[in-house]
Amino acid sequence: MFFIFTPMDLPIFFLDNYSASDILTLNEDTSRHIVQVLRMKPLEKLQLTDGAGNLLTAEVMDGHKKKCTVRVVSREAIPKKKQQVSVGIALLKNTNRLEWFLEKATEIGVTEIIPLLSDRIEKQHFRYDRMQQILISAMMQSKQVWLPVLHEPTPFGKVIETSTYTTKLIGHCEELPKASVTDFRKNLSVQILIGPEGDFTAEEISLALNSDFKAVTLGDTRLRTETAGVVAATILVFMFLITSIYFSI
C-alpha cells in the first residue's frame, strides 16, 4: 500500500476500484495503513486517487482494520497533461535496472511506457503486477493523479506499426544522420524508442526510419539503456514545461 502526504498534510492513498458512490469501503492493505499505521480516527480526512485523474477527499467513518469505510466529501477531476510522452524501452536482463527506470520515468511524468522486444534481446520474465505497483508507488511519491499506461512486453515491429504519435523518434548508436532530441522538446505528442545495450539492429533502424520515425541522439556519451530512457524523458517532459512557462510569462 502506498500513501503520501499532500501540502494540506492529508495522507493520500491509491484507490484500486473507483466508484461514484459517496461511501467507499477500502481494501485490506489500505485499511490497515489507515487504522493501524496512521491510527486515523473517525472524521479524520484523507485523499484518494485512482491514477486516472480523479482526486477524492474523504473522511473516515468506520475504522475497521480490514475494511475501513470512508465518506467522500469532495471530488476533483484533474485533466490529462497537455503533453503526451511515450517511451518504448528494450527489456533488460537486470530487473532492478528496469524497475529503476519505471520509477524515475513515472516521477518525471511520462504518460506511456512500452517494454520492447527487439532482435538483440531474449524475452525476459516480466512481472507485470510488480511493475505496475512500482508505477503506483512512484505516482504517489511524486504527488500525481495520472498513472502512466504500462504495456506488456511488445515486439518492436508491432510498436512501429501501431504508433499513432505525431512525433516518432528512435535513439540509436549507428553512424547515421541524427537530430538532437532537444529539437523536439516543444512537441505535444511524442514517442521515443530506446534500444538494448547492443543497440537496435540495422534492420530495425531501417524499419523505423521507413515508418516516419526520426533518428535522434541524446548527447556525446554512450548511455546504458535505462539511463538513456531517463535522459530522453527528462529532456522531452521538463524542457516542454520550461518552454511552456517561459512563453506564458
C-alpha atoms as a PDB file:
ATOM      1  CA  MET A   1       0.000   0.000   0.000  1.00  0.00           C
ATOM      2  CA  PHE A   2       1.271   3.416  -0.934  1.00  0.00           C
ATOM      3  CA  PHE A   3       0.482   6.792   0.529  1.00  0.00           C
ATOM      4  CA  ILE A   4       1.965  10.273   0.689  1.00  0.00           C
ATOM      5  CA  PHE A   5       1.193  13.498   2.493  1.00  0.00           C
ATOM      6  CA  THR A   6      -0.126  16.402   0.468  1.00  0.00           C
ATOM      7  CA  PRO A   7       0.678  20.062   1.167  1.00  0.00           C
ATOM      8  CA  MET A   8      -2.579  20.066   3.171  1.00  0.00           C
ATOM      9  CA  ASP A   9      -0.987  17.327   5.309  1.00  0.00           C
ATOM     10  CA  LEU A  10      -3.651  14.837   4.232  1.00  0.00           C
ATOM     11  CA  PRO A  11      -2.430  11.306   3.547  1.00  0.00           C
ATOM     12  CA  ILE A  12      -3.288  10.160   0.038  1.00  0.00           C
ATOM     13  CA  PHE A  13      -3.884   6.559  -0.994  1.00  0.00           C
ATOM     14  CA  PHE A  14      -4.316   4.688  -4.242  1.00  0.00           C
ATOM     15  CA  LEU A  15      -7.910   3.726  -4.923  1.00  0.00           C
ATOM     16  CA  ASP A  16      -7.858   0.487  -6.889  1.00  0.00           C
ATOM     17  CA  ASN A  17     -11.593   0.395  -7.598  1.00  0.00           C
ATOM     18  CA  TYR A  18     -13.032   3.852  -8.277  1.00  0.00           C
ATOM     19  CA  SER A  19     -16.731   4.300  -7.587  1.00  0.00           C
ATOM     20  CA  ALA A  20     -19.101   7.243  -7.877  1.00  0.00           C
ATOM     21  CA  SER A  21     -20.587   6.289  -4.521  1.00  0.00           C
ATOM     22  CA  ASP A  22     -20.112   8.686  -1.619  1.00  0.00           C
ATOM     23  CA  ILE A  23     -19.479   5.762   0.745  1.00  0.00           C
ATOM     24  CA  LEU A  24     -16.413   3.652  -0.069  1.00  0.00           C
ATOM     25  CA  THR A  25     -15.048   0.525   1.566  1.00  0.00           C
ATOM     26  CA  LEU A  26     -11.287   0.370   1.117  1.00  0.00           C
ATOM     27  CA  ASN A  27      -9.227  -2.754   0.551  1.00  0.00           C
ATOM     28  CA  GLU A  28      -7.433  -4.541   3.363  1.00  0.00           C
ATOM     29  CA  ASP A  29      -3.955  -3.099   2.723  1.00  0.00           C
ATOM     30  CA  THR A  30      -5.229   0.459   2.617  1.00  0.00           C
ATOM     31  CA  SER A  31      -7.457  -0.094   5.638  1.00  0.00           C
ATOM     32  CA  ARG A  32      -4.576  -1.485   7.666  1.00  0.00           C
ATOM     33  CA  HIS A  33      -2.395   1.546   6.892  1.00  0.00           C
ATOM     34  CA  ILE A  34      -5.154   3.963   7.792  1.00  0.00           C
ATOM     35  CA  VAL A  35      -6.169   2.252  11.018  1.00  0.00           C
ATOM     36  CA  GLN A  36      -3.044   0.527  12.344  1.00  0.00           C
ATOM     37  CA  VAL A  37      -0.156   2.543  10.883  1.00  0.00           C
ATOM     38  CA  LEU A  38      -1.542   6.085  10.817  1.00  0.00           C
ATOM     39  CA  ARG A  39      -4.081   5.379  13.590  1.00  0.00           C
ATOM     40  CA  MET A  40      -6.649   7.600  11.943  1.00  0.00           C
ATOM     41  CA  LYS A  41      -9.935   8.108  13.766  1.00  0.00           C
ATOM     42  CA  PRO A  42     -13.497   8.718  12.530  1.00  0.00           C
ATOM     43  CA  LEU A  43     -13.988  12.141  10.904  1.00  0.00           C
ATOM     44  CA  GLU A  44     -10.268  12.484  10.082  1.00  0.00           C
ATOM     45  CA  LYS A  45      -9.718  13.344   6.432  1.00  0.00           C
ATOM     46  CA  LEU A  46      -7.633  11.665   3.745  1.00  0.00           C
ATOM     47  CA  GLN A  47      -7.362  11.727  -0.035  1.00  0.00           C
ATOM     48  CA  LEU A  48      -7.730   9.014  -2.658  1.00  0.00           C
ATOM     49  CA  THR A  49      -6.772   8.815  -6.326  1.00  0.00           C
ATOM     50  CA  ASP A  50      -7.390   6.131  -8.927  1.00  0.00           C
ATOM     51  CA  GLY A  51      -4.498   7.132 -11.205  1.00  0.00           C
ATOM     52  CA  ALA A  52      -6.991   8.279 -13.852  1.00  0.00           C
ATOM     53  CA  GLY A  53      -7.226  11.908 -12.805  1.00  0.00           C
ATOM     54  CA  ASN A  54      -9.760  11.536 -10.008  1.00  0.00           C
ATOM     55  CA  LEU A  55      -8.815  13.034  -6.656  1.00  0.00           C
ATOM     56  CA  LEU A  56     -11.192  12.463  -3.754  1.00  0.00           C
ATOM     57  CA  THR A  57     -11.170  13.990  -0.297  1.00  0.00           C
ATOM     58  CA  ALA A  58     -12.881  11.748   2.222  1.00  0.00           C
ATOM     59  CA  GLU A  59     -13.302  11.288   5.944  1.00  0.00           C
ATOM     60  CA  VAL A  60     -13.062   8.097   7.939  1.00  0.00           C
ATOM     61  CA  MET A  61     -16.384   6.636   9.015  1.00  0.00           C
ATOM     62  CA  ASP A  62     -15.626   3.153  10.323  1.00  0.00           C
ATOM     63  CA  GLY A  63     -12.029   2.449  11.302  1.00  0.00           C
ATOM     64  CA  HIS A  64     -12.111  -1.284  10.606  1.00  0.00           C
ATOM     65  CA  LYS A  65      -8.569  -2.580  10.079  1.00  0.00           C
ATOM     66  CA  LYS A  66      -9.588  -4.828   7.178  1.00  0.00           C
ATOM     67  CA  LYS A  67     -12.414  -2.858   5.541  1.00  0.00           C
ATOM     68  CA  CYS A  68     -12.247   0.770   6.526  1.00  0.00           C
ATOM     69  CA  THR A  69     -15.215   2.804   5.332  1.00  0.00           C
ATOM     70  CA  VAL A  70     -14.886   6.441   4.268  1.00  0.00           C
ATOM     71  CA  ARG A  71     -17.318   9.136   3.154  1.00  0.00           C
ATOM     72  CA  VAL A  72     -16.383  11.249   0.141  1.00  0.00           C
ATOM     73  CA  VAL A  73     -16.741  14.960   0.874  1.00  0.00           C
ATOM     74  CA  SER A  74     -15.365  16.340  -2.398  1.00  0.00           C
ATOM     75  CA  ARG A  75     -14.219  15.209  -5.828  1.00  0.00           C
ATOM     76  CA  GLU A  76     -11.883  16.816  -8.313  1.00  0.00           C
ATOM     77  CA  ALA A  77     -11.180  15.683 -11.862  1.00  0.00           C
ATOM     78  CA  ILE A  78      -7.644  16.630 -12.880  1.00  0.00           C
ATOM     79  CA  PRO A  79      -7.329  16.843 -16.691  1.00  0.00           C
ATOM     80  CA  LYS A  80      -4.687  14.918 -18.569  1.00  0.00           C
ATOM     81  CA  LYS A  81      -1.401  16.629 -19.202  1.00  0.00           C
ATOM     82  CA  LYS A  82      -1.221  18.690 -22.340  1.00  0.00           C
ATOM     83  CA  GLN A  83       1.859  16.784 -23.467  1.00  0.00           C
ATOM     84  CA  GLN A  84       1.791  13.010 -24.017  1.00  0.00           C
ATOM     85  CA  VAL A  85       5.194  11.283 -23.937  1.00  0.00           C
ATOM     86  CA  SER A  86       5.632   7.595 -24.672  1.00  0.00           C
ATOM     87  CA  VAL A  87       8.897   5.743 -24.035  1.00  0.00           C
ATOM     88  CA  GLY A  88       9.451   2.372 -25.636  1.00  0.00           C
ATOM     89  CA  ILE A  89      12.425   0.795 -23.882  1.00  0.00           C
ATOM     90  CA  ALA A  90      14.124  -2.545 -24.518  1.00  0.00           C
ATOM     91  CA  LEU A  91      13.710  -5.151 -21.805  1.00  0.00           C
ATOM     92  CA  LEU A  92      16.722  -5.512 -19.532  1.00  0.00           C
ATOM     93  CA  LYS A  93      18.164  -8.704 -18.086  1.00  0.00           C
ATOM     94  CA  ASN A  94      18.809  -6.857 -14.844  1.00  0.00           C
ATOM     95  CA  THR A  95      15.301  -6.382 -13.483  1.00  0.00           C
ATOM     96  CA  ASN A  96      16.474  -3.872 -10.869  1.00  0.00           C
ATOM     97  CA  ARG A  97      17.636  -1.514 -13.589  1.00  0.00           C
ATOM     98  CA  LEU A  98      14.311  -1.750 -15.401  1.00  0.00           C
ATOM     99  CA  GLU A  99      12.435  -1.120 -12.160  1.00  0.00           C
ATOM    100  CA  TRP A 100      14.622   1.934 -11.533  1.00  0.00           C
ATOM    101  CA  PHE A 101      13.690   3.285 -14.961  1.00  0.00           C
ATOM    102  CA  LEU A 102       9.973   2.704 -14.369  1.00  0.00           C
ATOM    103  CA  GLU A 103      10.134   4.575 -11.089  1.00  0.00           C
ATOM    104  CA  LYS A 104      12.027   7.558 -12.484  1.00  0.00           C
ATOM    105  CA  ALA A 105      10.003   7.782 -15.705  1.00  0.00           C
ATOM    106  CA  THR A 106       6.797   7.928 -13.657  1.00  0.00           C
ATOM    107  CA  GLU A 107       8.180  10.617 -11.360  1.00  0.00           C
ATOM    108  CA  ILE A 108       9.272  12.654 -14.387  1.00  0.00           C
ATOM    109  CA  GLY A 109       5.791  12.498 -15.903  1.00  0.00           C
ATOM    110  CA  VAL A 110       5.956  10.054 -18.804  1.00  0.00           C
ATOM    111  CA  THR A 111       2.440   9.068 -19.874  1.00  0.00           C
ATOM    112  CA  GLU A 112       3.114   5.685 -21.517  1.00  0.00           C
ATOM    113  CA  ILE A 113       5.801   3.011 -21.123  1.00  0.00           C
ATOM    114  CA  ILE A 114       6.263   0.134 -23.568  1.00  0.00           C
ATOM    115  CA  PRO A 115       8.780  -2.619 -22.757  1.00  0.00           C
ATOM    116  CA  LEU A 116      10.265  -3.511 -26.148  1.00  0.00           C
ATOM    117  CA  LEU A 117      11.128  -6.947 -27.515  1.00  0.00           C
ATOM    118  CA  SER A 118      13.860  -6.302 -30.080  1.00  0.00           C
ATOM    119  CA  ASP A 119      16.088  -8.651 -32.063  1.00  0.00           C
ATOM    120  CA  ARG A 120      19.072  -8.430 -29.724  1.00  0.00           C
ATOM    121  CA  ILE A 121      17.300  -9.372 -26.527  1.00  0.00           C
ATOM    122  CA  GLU A 122      15.642 -12.523 -25.329  1.00  0.00           C
ATOM    123  CA  LYS A 123      12.192 -12.290 -23.856  1.00  0.00           C
ATOM    124  CA  GLN A 124      12.645 -11.833 -20.127  1.00  0.00           C
ATOM    125  CA  HIS A 125      10.231 -12.782 -17.391  1.00  0.00           C
ATOM    126  CA  PHE A 126       8.143  -9.649 -16.892  1.00  0.00           C
ATOM    127  CA  ARG A 127       6.196  -9.478 -13.649  1.00  0.00           C
ATOM    128  CA  TYR A 128       3.508  -7.041 -14.763  1.00  0.00           C
ATOM    129  CA  ASP A 129       1.775  -6.766 -11.382  1.00  0.00           C
ATOM    130  CA  ARG A 130       5.026  -5.899  -9.627  1.00  0.00           C
ATOM    131  CA  MET A 131       5.970  -3.352 -12.293  1.00  0.00           C
ATOM    132  CA  GLN A 132       2.526  -1.759 -12.036  1.00  0.00           C
ATOM    133  CA  GLN A 133       2.929  -1.429  -8.268  1.00  0.00           C
ATOM    134  CA  ILE A 134       6.245   0.347  -8.818  1.00  0.00           C
ATOM    135  CA  LEU A 135       4.453   2.855 -11.065  1.00  0.00           C
ATOM    136  CA  ILE A 136       1.720   3.373  -8.470  1.00  0.00           C
ATOM    137  CA  SER A 137       4.253   3.971  -5.718  1.00  0.00           C
ATOM    138  CA  ALA A 138       6.178   6.460  -7.861  1.00  0.00           C
ATOM    139  CA  MET A 139       2.980   8.262  -8.853  1.00  0.00           C
ATOM    140  CA  MET A 140       2.007   8.707  -5.215  1.00  0.00           C
ATOM    141  CA  GLN A 141       5.512   9.720  -4.175  1.00  0.00           C
ATOM    142  CA  SER A 142       5.587  12.424  -6.830  1.00  0.00           C
ATOM    143  CA  LYS A 143       2.061  13.613  -5.941  1.00  0.00           C
ATOM    144  CA  GLN A 144       0.474  12.907  -9.294  1.00  0.00           C
ATOM    145  CA  VAL A 145      -3.011  11.598 -10.083  1.00  0.00           C
ATOM    146  CA  TRP A 146      -2.393  10.159 -13.555  1.00  0.00           C
ATOM    147  CA  LEU A 147      -0.723   6.765 -13.759  1.00  0.00           C
ATOM    148  CA  PRO A 148       1.372   6.048 -16.866  1.00  0.00           C
ATOM    149  CA  VAL A 149      -0.050   3.379 -19.155  1.00  0.00           C
ATOM    150  CA  LEU A 150       2.192   0.325 -18.820  1.00  0.00           C
ATOM    151  CA  HIS A 151       2.110  -2.266 -21.594  1.00  0.00           C
ATOM    152  CA  GLU A 152       3.094  -5.885 -21.582  1.00  0.00           C
ATOM    153  CA  PRO A 153       6.360  -6.550 -23.483  1.00  0.00           C
ATOM    154  CA  THR A 154       5.652  -5.772 -27.133  1.00  0.00           C
ATOM    155  CA  PRO A 155       7.566  -6.752 -30.297  1.00  0.00           C
ATOM    156  CA  PHE A 156       9.473  -3.858 -31.852  1.00  0.00           C
ATOM    157  CA  GLY A 157       7.711  -4.261 -35.200  1.00  0.00           C
ATOM    158  CA  LYS A 158       4.268  -4.039 -33.622  1.00  0.00           C
ATOM    159  CA  VAL A 159       5.165  -0.801 -31.826  1.00  0.00           C
ATOM    160  CA  ILE A 160       6.396   0.672 -35.111  1.00  0.00           C
ATOM    161  CA  GLU A 161       3.262  -0.446 -36.920  1.00  0.00           C
ATOM    162  CA  THR A 162       0.729   0.790 -34.377  1.00  0.00           C
ATOM    163  CA  SER A 163       2.263   4.072 -33.202  1.00  0.00           C
ATOM    164  CA  THR A 164      -0.171   6.974 -33.500  1.00  0.00           C
ATOM    165  CA  TYR A 165       2.057   9.705 -32.068  1.00  0.00           C
ATOM    166  CA  THR A 166       2.546  12.867 -34.088  1.00  0.00           C
ATOM    167  CA  THR A 167       6.297  12.837 -33.452  1.00  0.00           C
ATOM    168  CA  LYS A 168       8.096   9.495 -33.524  1.00  0.00           C
ATOM    169  CA  LEU A 169      11.754   9.198 -32.531  1.00  0.00           C
ATOM    170  CA  ILE A 170      14.319   6.429 -32.288  1.00  0.00           C
ATOM    171  CA  GLY A 171      17.610   6.691 -30.443  1.00  0.00           C
ATOM    172  CA  HIS A 172      20.438   4.515 -31.717  1.00  0.00           C
ATOM    173  CA  CYS A 173      24.237   4.418 -31.946  1.00  0.00           C
ATOM    174  CA  GLU A 174      24.725   3.864 -35.687  1.00  0.00           C
ATOM    175  CA  GLU A 175      26.801   6.428 -37.593  1.00  0.00           C
ATOM    176  CA  LEU A 176      23.844   7.920 -39.412  1.00  0.00           C
ATOM    177  CA  PRO A 177      22.495  11.481 -39.577  1.00  0.00           C
ATOM    178  CA  LYS A 178      20.621  12.335 -36.390  1.00  0.00           C
ATOM    179  CA  ALA A 179      18.836  15.285 -34.879  1.00  0.00           C
ATOM    180  CA  SER A 180      19.151  16.225 -31.219  1.00  0.00           C
ATOM    181  CA  VAL A 181      16.286  15.053 -29.037  1.00  0.00           C
ATOM    182  CA  THR A 182      16.158  18.626 -27.696  1.00  0.00           C
ATOM    183  CA  ASP A 183      14.792  19.709 -31.089  1.00  0.00           C
ATOM    184  CA  PHE A 184      11.512  18.012 -30.185  1.00  0.00           C
ATOM    185  CA  ARG A 185      11.019  19.391 -26.686  1.00  0.00           C
ATOM    186  CA  LYS A 186       8.005  21.503 -27.726  1.00  0.00           C
ATOM    187  CA  ASN A 187       6.053  18.612 -29.205  1.00  0.00           C
ATOM    188  CA  LEU A 188       2.722  17.692 -27.623  1.00  0.00           C
ATOM    189  CA  SER A 189       2.578  14.093 -28.837  1.00  0.00           C
ATOM    190  CA  VAL A 190       5.907  12.296 -28.932  1.00  0.00           C
ATOM    191  CA  GLN A 191       7.168   8.731 -28.722  1.00  0.00           C
ATOM    192  CA  ILE A 192      10.805   7.723 -28.396  1.00  0.00           C
ATOM    193  CA  LEU A 193      12.266   4.225 -28.673  1.00  0.00           C
ATOM    194  CA  ILE A 194      15.359   3.229 -26.688  1.00  0.00           C
ATOM    195  CA  GLY A 195      17.257   0.086 -27.652  1.00  0.00           C
ATOM    196  CA  PRO A 196      19.112  -2.639 -25.746  1.00  0.00           C
ATOM    197  CA  GLU A 197      22.769  -2.474 -24.741  1.00  0.00           C
ATOM    198  CA  GLY A 198      23.713  -3.998 -28.088  1.00  0.00           C
ATOM    199  CA  ASP A 199      21.618  -1.326 -29.841  1.00  0.00           C
ATOM    200  CA  PHE A 200      18.862  -1.858 -32.354  1.00  0.00           C
ATOM    201  CA  THR A 201      19.813  -3.872 -35.432  1.00  0.00           C
ATOM    202  CA  ALA A 202      20.316  -2.131 -38.769  1.00  0.00           C
ATOM    203  CA  GLU A 203      17.083  -3.738 -39.956  1.00  0.00           C
ATOM    204  CA  GLU A 204      15.129  -2.368 -37.010  1.00  0.00           C
ATOM    205  CA  ILE A 205      16.536   1.107 -37.504  1.00  0.00           C
ATOM    206  CA  SER A 206      15.680   0.975 -41.203  1.00  0.00           C
ATOM    207  CA  LEU A 207      12.146  -0.210 -40.427  1.00  0.00           C
ATOM    208  CA  ALA A 208      11.634   2.682 -38.026  1.00  0.00           C
ATOM    209  CA  LEU A 209      13.036   5.299 -40.389  1.00  0.00           C
ATOM    210  CA  ASN A 210      10.841   3.997 -43.203  1.00  0.00           C
ATOM    211  CA  SER A 211       7.839   4.357 -40.876  1.00  0.00           C
ATOM    212  CA  ASP A 212       8.311   8.088 -40.228  1.00  0.00           C
ATOM    213  CA  PHE A 213      10.476   7.727 -37.114  1.00  0.00           C
ATOM    214  CA  LYS A 214      13.299  10.253 -36.853  1.00  0.00           C
ATOM    215  CA  ALA A 215      16.751   9.262 -35.630  1.00  0.00           C
ATOM    216  CA  VAL A 216      17.926  11.255 -32.602  1.00  0.00           C
ATOM    217  CA  THR A 217      20.956  11.500 -30.368  1.00  0.00           C
ATOM    218  CA  LEU A 218      20.900  12.044 -26.605  1.00  0.00           C
ATOM    219  CA  GLY A 219      24.402  13.510 -26.441  1.00  0.00           C
ATOM    220  CA  ASP A 220      28.042  12.668 -26.959  1.00  0.00           C
ATOM    221  CA  THR A 221      28.331   9.813 -24.466  1.00  0.00           C
ATOM    222  CA  ARG A 222      27.016   6.276 -24.795  1.00  0.00           C
ATOM    223  CA  LEU A 223      24.401   5.629 -22.127  1.00  0.00           C
ATOM    224  CA  ARG A 224      23.018   2.488 -20.549  1.00  0.00           C
ATOM    225  CA  THR A 225      19.514   1.652 -21.727  1.00  0.00           C
ATOM    226  CA  GLU A 226      17.780   2.762 -18.523  1.00  0.00           C
ATOM    227  CA  THR A 227      19.880   5.936 -18.324  1.00  0.00           C
ATOM    228  CA  ALA A 228      19.054   6.793 -21.938  1.00  0.00           C
ATOM    229  CA  GLY A 229      15.371   6.337 -21.158  1.00  0.00           C
ATOM    230  CA  VAL A 230      15.515   8.698 -18.193  1.00  0.00           C
ATOM    231  CA  VAL A 231      17.556  11.291 -20.096  1.00  0.00           C
ATOM    232  CA  ALA A 232      15.111  11.229 -23.022  1.00  0.00           C
ATOM    233  CA  ALA A 233      12.112  11.515 -20.710  1.00  0.00           C
ATOM    234  CA  THR A 234      13.680  14.375 -18.789  1.00  0.00           C
ATOM    235  CA  ILE A 235      14.509  16.348 -21.926  1.00  0.00           C
ATOM    236  CA  LEU A 236      11.096  15.863 -23.509  1.00  0.00           C
ATOM    237  CA  VAL A 237       8.981  16.443 -20.386  1.00  0.00           C
ATOM    238  CA  PHE A 238      10.914  19.017 -18.382  1.00  0.00           C
ATOM    239  CA  MET A 239      12.092  21.098 -21.327  1.00  0.00           C
ATOM    240  CA  PHE A 240       8.499  21.201 -22.586  1.00  0.00           C
ATOM    241  CA  LEU A 241       7.375  22.513 -19.197  1.00  0.00           C
ATOM    242  CA  ILE A 242      10.179  25.061 -19.041  1.00  0.00           C
ATOM    243  CA  THR A 243       9.436  26.255 -22.575  1.00  0.00           C
ATOM    244  CA  SER A 244       5.707  26.494 -21.799  1.00  0.00           C
ATOM    245  CA  ILE A 245       6.368  28.554 -18.681  1.00  0.00           C
ATOM    246  CA  TYR A 246       8.825  30.819 -20.493  1.00  0.00           C
ATOM    247  CA  PHE A 247       6.401  31.645 -23.303  1.00  0.00           C
ATOM    248  CA  SER A 248       3.488  32.155 -20.908  1.00  0.00           C
ATOM    249  CA  ILE A 249       5.302  34.902 -18.975  1.00  0.00           C
END
